[in-house]
Amino acid sequence: MTLRFIAKDPNTDGANCPTVWVDEERQEIVIQGWKVDEATRTDCLTTGPIPDSEDVVRLPARMVAAIREACNVADRSAVQ
């Protein structure tokens, strides 16, 4: 698997920061973000359980452009 790097959070120092990649082969978006606090996790659980194989992460709104780009790349990968 080779991930295509999209962007890191532009307002961080470049280390340990939210990041977005696309796995074009699997047509999946891969996101690194901040762990959520227990209050946020509890709110998320109101819509259903979070399986052990999944987690919830938080990204800043300033990453929207990077997420849109990742969505576009993933869409193009699915068409090819």
N, C-alpha and C. Protein backbone atom coordinates (compact mmCIF):
# COMPACT_ATOMS: atom_id res chain seq x y z
N MET A 1 0.84 -1.18 0.00
CA MET A 1 0.00 0.00 0.00
C MET A 1 0.89 1.24 0.00
N THR A 2 0.59 2.16 -0.90
CA THR A 2 1.29 3.42 -0.95
C THR A 2 0.29 4.53 -0.73
N LEU A 3 0.54 5.35 0.27
CA LEU A 3 -0.35 6.46 0.55
C LEU A 3 0.11 7.70 -0.21
N ARG A 4 -0.85 8.42 -0.75
CA ARG A 4 -0.56 9.70 -1.41
C ARG A 4 -0.79 10.80 -0.38
N PHE A 5 0.28 11.50 -0.04
CA PHE A 5 0.19 12.60 0.92
C PHE A 5 -0.62 13.74 0.32
N ILE A 6 -1.56 14.27 1.09
CA ILE A 6 -2.36 15.41 0.64
C ILE A 6 -1.90 16.68 1.36
N ALA A 7 -1.95 16.69 2.70
CA ALA A 7 -1.56 17.91 3.43
C ALA A 7 -1.45 17.65 4.92
N LYS A 8 -0.64 18.51 5.56
CA LYS A 8 -0.60 18.59 7.02
C LYS A 8 -1.29 19.88 7.43
N ASP A 9 -1.72 19.93 8.66
CA ASP A 9 -2.34 21.13 9.20
C ASP A 9 -1.38 22.31 9.00
N PRO A 10 -1.81 23.34 8.26
CA PRO A 10 -0.91 24.45 7.96
C PRO A 10 -0.56 25.32 9.17
N ASN A 11 -1.28 25.18 10.24
CA ASN A 11 -1.03 26.02 11.42
C ASN A 11 -0.25 25.31 12.51
N THR A 12 0.48 24.25 12.15
CA THR A 12 1.29 23.55 13.14
C THR A 12 2.74 23.60 12.72
N ASP A 13 3.60 23.05 13.57
CA ASP A 13 5.03 23.12 13.31
C ASP A 13 5.52 22.04 12.34
N GLY A 14 4.62 21.24 11.80
CA GLY A 14 5.00 20.20 10.84
C GLY A 14 5.27 18.86 11.47
N ALA A 15 5.27 18.79 12.80
CA ALA A 15 5.48 17.52 13.50
C ALA A 15 4.27 17.24 14.38
N ASN A 16 3.90 15.98 14.44
CA ASN A 16 2.79 15.57 15.31
C ASN A 16 1.53 16.38 15.05
N CYS A 17 1.15 16.53 13.79
CA CYS A 17 0.00 17.35 13.47
C CYS A 17 -1.00 16.60 12.60
N PRO A 18 -2.26 17.05 12.59
CA PRO A 18 -3.25 16.42 11.73
C PRO A 18 -2.75 16.36 10.28
N THR A 19 -2.97 15.20 9.66
CA THR A 19 -2.48 14.95 8.31
C THR A 19 -3.54 14.17 7.54
N VAL A 20 -3.58 14.39 6.23
CA VAL A 20 -4.52 13.68 5.37
C VAL A 20 -3.75 13.01 4.23
N TRP A 21 -4.05 11.72 3.98
CA TRP A 21 -3.50 10.95 2.87
C TRP A 21 -4.66 10.28 2.13
N VAL A 22 -4.36 9.76 0.94
CA VAL A 22 -5.32 8.93 0.21
C VAL A 22 -4.62 7.64 -0.18
N ASP A 23 -5.29 6.52 0.06
CA ASP A 23 -4.85 5.23 -0.45
C ASP A 23 -5.62 5.03 -1.75
N GLU A 24 -4.97 5.36 -2.88
CA GLU A 24 -5.65 5.31 -4.17
C GLU A 24 -6.02 3.89 -4.58
N GLU A 25 -5.23 2.93 -4.19
CA GLU A 25 -5.52 1.54 -4.53
C GLU A 25 -6.81 1.07 -3.86
N ARG A 26 -6.99 1.43 -2.61
CA ARG A 26 -8.19 1.00 -1.86
C ARG A 26 -9.31 2.03 -1.90
N GLN A 27 -9.04 3.19 -2.52
CA GLN A 27 -9.99 4.30 -2.57
C GLN A 27 -10.48 4.68 -1.17
N GLU A 28 -9.50 4.93 -0.30
CA GLU A 28 -9.80 5.29 1.09
C GLU A 28 -9.01 6.53 1.48
N ILE A 29 -9.61 7.32 2.35
CA ILE A 29 -8.96 8.50 2.91
C ILE A 29 -8.41 8.11 4.27
N VAL A 30 -7.17 8.46 4.53
CA VAL A 30 -6.51 8.14 5.80
C VAL A 30 -6.24 9.46 6.52
N ILE A 31 -6.68 9.54 7.77
CA ILE A 31 -6.60 10.80 8.51
C ILE A 31 -5.92 10.58 9.85
N GLN A 32 -4.96 11.44 10.15
CA GLN A 32 -4.35 11.51 11.47
C GLN A 32 -4.89 12.76 12.13
N GLY A 33 -5.43 12.61 13.33
CA GLY A 33 -5.96 13.77 14.03
C GLY A 33 -5.75 13.64 15.52
N TRP A 34 -6.26 14.61 16.23
CA TRP A 34 -6.14 14.59 17.69
C TRP A 34 -7.16 13.64 18.28
N LYS A 35 -6.77 12.94 19.32
CA LYS A 35 -7.72 12.08 20.03
C LYS A 35 -8.81 12.96 20.64
N VAL A 36 -10.03 12.42 20.67
CA VAL A 36 -11.13 13.19 21.26
C VAL A 36 -11.16 12.95 22.77
N ASP A 37 -11.73 13.91 23.48
CA ASP A 37 -11.88 13.76 24.92
C ASP A 37 -13.10 12.89 25.23
N GLU A 38 -13.26 12.51 26.48
CA GLU A 38 -14.34 11.61 26.86
C GLU A 38 -15.72 12.22 26.61
N ALA A 39 -15.86 13.52 26.78
CA ALA A 39 -17.16 14.16 26.54
C ALA A 39 -17.54 14.04 25.06
N THR A 40 -16.58 14.25 24.17
CA THR A 40 -16.84 14.12 22.74
C THR A 40 -17.16 12.67 22.39
N ARG A 41 -16.39 11.75 22.94
CA ARG A 41 -16.63 10.32 22.70
C ARG A 41 -18.04 9.94 23.15
N THR A 42 -18.45 10.43 24.30
CA THR A 42 -19.79 10.14 24.82
C THR A 42 -20.84 10.68 23.86
N ASP A 43 -20.64 11.90 23.35
CA ASP A 43 -21.58 12.46 22.38
C ASP A 43 -21.65 11.59 21.12
N CYS A 44 -20.50 11.12 20.65
CA CYS A 44 -20.47 10.28 19.45
C CYS A 44 -21.20 8.96 19.69
N LEU A 45 -21.12 8.44 20.89
CA LEU A 45 -21.75 7.16 21.20
C LEU A 45 -23.28 7.23 21.19
N THR A 46 -23.84 8.44 21.19
CA THR A 46 -25.30 8.55 21.15
C THR A 46 -25.87 8.07 19.82
N THR A 47 -25.04 8.00 18.76
CA THR A 47 -25.52 7.51 17.48
C THR A 47 -25.21 6.03 17.27
N GLY A 48 -24.49 5.42 18.19
CA GLY A 48 -24.18 3.99 18.10
C GLY A 48 -22.79 3.71 18.64
N PRO A 49 -22.47 2.43 18.80
CA PRO A 49 -21.16 2.07 19.35
C PRO A 49 -20.02 2.34 18.38
N ILE A 50 -18.83 2.50 18.93
CA ILE A 50 -17.61 2.63 18.14
C ILE A 50 -16.88 1.30 18.26
N PRO A 51 -16.79 0.53 17.17
CA PRO A 51 -16.13 -0.78 17.24
C PRO A 51 -14.67 -0.65 17.66
N ASP A 52 -14.13 -1.70 18.23
CA ASP A 52 -12.72 -1.70 18.64
C ASP A 52 -11.78 -1.44 17.46
N SER A 53 -12.22 -1.75 16.24
CA SER A 53 -11.38 -1.57 15.06
C SER A 53 -11.47 -0.15 14.50
N GLU A 54 -12.24 0.75 15.15
CA GLU A 54 -12.41 2.12 14.68
C GLU A 54 -12.15 3.10 15.82
N ASP A 55 -11.98 4.37 15.46
CA ASP A 55 -11.83 5.41 16.47
C ASP A 55 -12.32 6.73 15.91
N VAL A 56 -12.49 7.69 16.76
CA VAL A 56 -12.92 9.03 16.39
C VAL A 56 -11.74 9.96 16.61
N VAL A 57 -11.44 10.80 15.61
CA VAL A 57 -10.38 11.80 15.76
C VAL A 57 -10.95 13.17 15.43
N ARG A 58 -10.27 14.18 15.88
CA ARG A 58 -10.71 15.55 15.67
C ARG A 58 -9.71 16.25 14.75
N LEU A 59 -10.25 16.99 13.76
CA LEU A 59 -9.43 17.78 12.85
C LEU A 59 -9.91 19.23 12.90
N PRO A 60 -9.00 20.19 12.73
CA PRO A 60 -9.43 21.59 12.72
C PRO A 60 -10.14 21.92 11.40
N ALA A 61 -11.07 22.84 11.45
CA ALA A 61 -11.82 23.26 10.26
C ALA A 61 -10.88 23.77 9.16
N ARG A 62 -9.72 24.27 9.53
CA ARG A 62 -8.79 24.78 8.51
C ARG A 62 -8.27 23.65 7.61
N MET A 63 -8.56 22.40 7.94
CA MET A 63 -8.16 21.25 7.12
C MET A 63 -9.21 20.89 6.07
N VAL A 64 -10.31 21.63 6.00
CA VAL A 64 -11.39 21.31 5.06
C VAL A 64 -10.89 21.23 3.62
N ALA A 65 -10.06 22.16 3.20
CA ALA A 65 -9.55 22.14 1.82
C ALA A 65 -8.76 20.86 1.55
N ALA A 66 -7.97 20.43 2.52
CA ALA A 66 -7.19 19.19 2.35
C ALA A 66 -8.11 17.98 2.29
N ILE A 67 -9.15 17.98 3.09
CA ILE A 67 -10.10 16.86 3.08
C ILE A 67 -10.85 16.83 1.76
N ARG A 68 -11.25 18.00 1.25
CA ARG A 68 -11.91 18.06 -0.06
C ARG A 68 -10.99 17.52 -1.16
N GLU A 69 -9.72 17.93 -1.10
CA GLU A 69 -8.76 17.44 -2.10
C GLU A 69 -8.64 15.92 -2.00
N ALA A 70 -8.55 15.40 -0.78
CA ALA A 70 -8.46 13.94 -0.60
C ALA A 70 -9.70 13.24 -1.15
N CYS A 71 -10.87 13.83 -0.94
CA CYS A 71 -12.11 13.25 -1.48
C CYS A 71 -12.05 13.22 -2.99
N ASN A 72 -11.58 14.30 -3.62
CA ASN A 72 -11.48 14.37 -5.07
C ASN A 72 -10.50 13.32 -5.60
N VAL A 73 -9.37 13.17 -4.93
CA VAL A 73 -8.38 12.18 -5.35
C VAL A 73 -8.97 10.77 -5.23
N ALA A 74 -9.64 10.50 -4.11
CA ALA A 74 -10.25 9.19 -3.92
C ALA A 74 -11.31 8.91 -4.98
N ASP A 75 -12.11 9.94 -5.32
CA ASP A 75 -13.13 9.79 -6.37
C ASP A 75 -12.49 9.46 -7.70
N ARG A 76 -11.42 10.18 -8.05
CA ARG A 76 -10.74 9.91 -9.32
C ARG A 76 -10.15 8.50 -9.34
N SER A 77 -9.64 8.04 -8.21
CA SER A 77 -9.07 6.69 -8.14
C SER A 77 -10.14 5.65 -8.39
N ALA A 78 -11.35 5.90 -7.90
CA ALA A 78 -12.43 4.94 -8.04
C ALA A 78 -12.89 4.84 -9.50
N VAL A 79 -12.72 5.91 -10.27
CA VAL A 79 -13.17 5.94 -11.65
C VAL A 79 -12.19 5.24 -12.57
N GLN A 80 -10.92 5.27 -12.24
CA GLN A 80 -9.89 4.71 -13.12
C GLN A 80 -10.00 3.22 -13.27
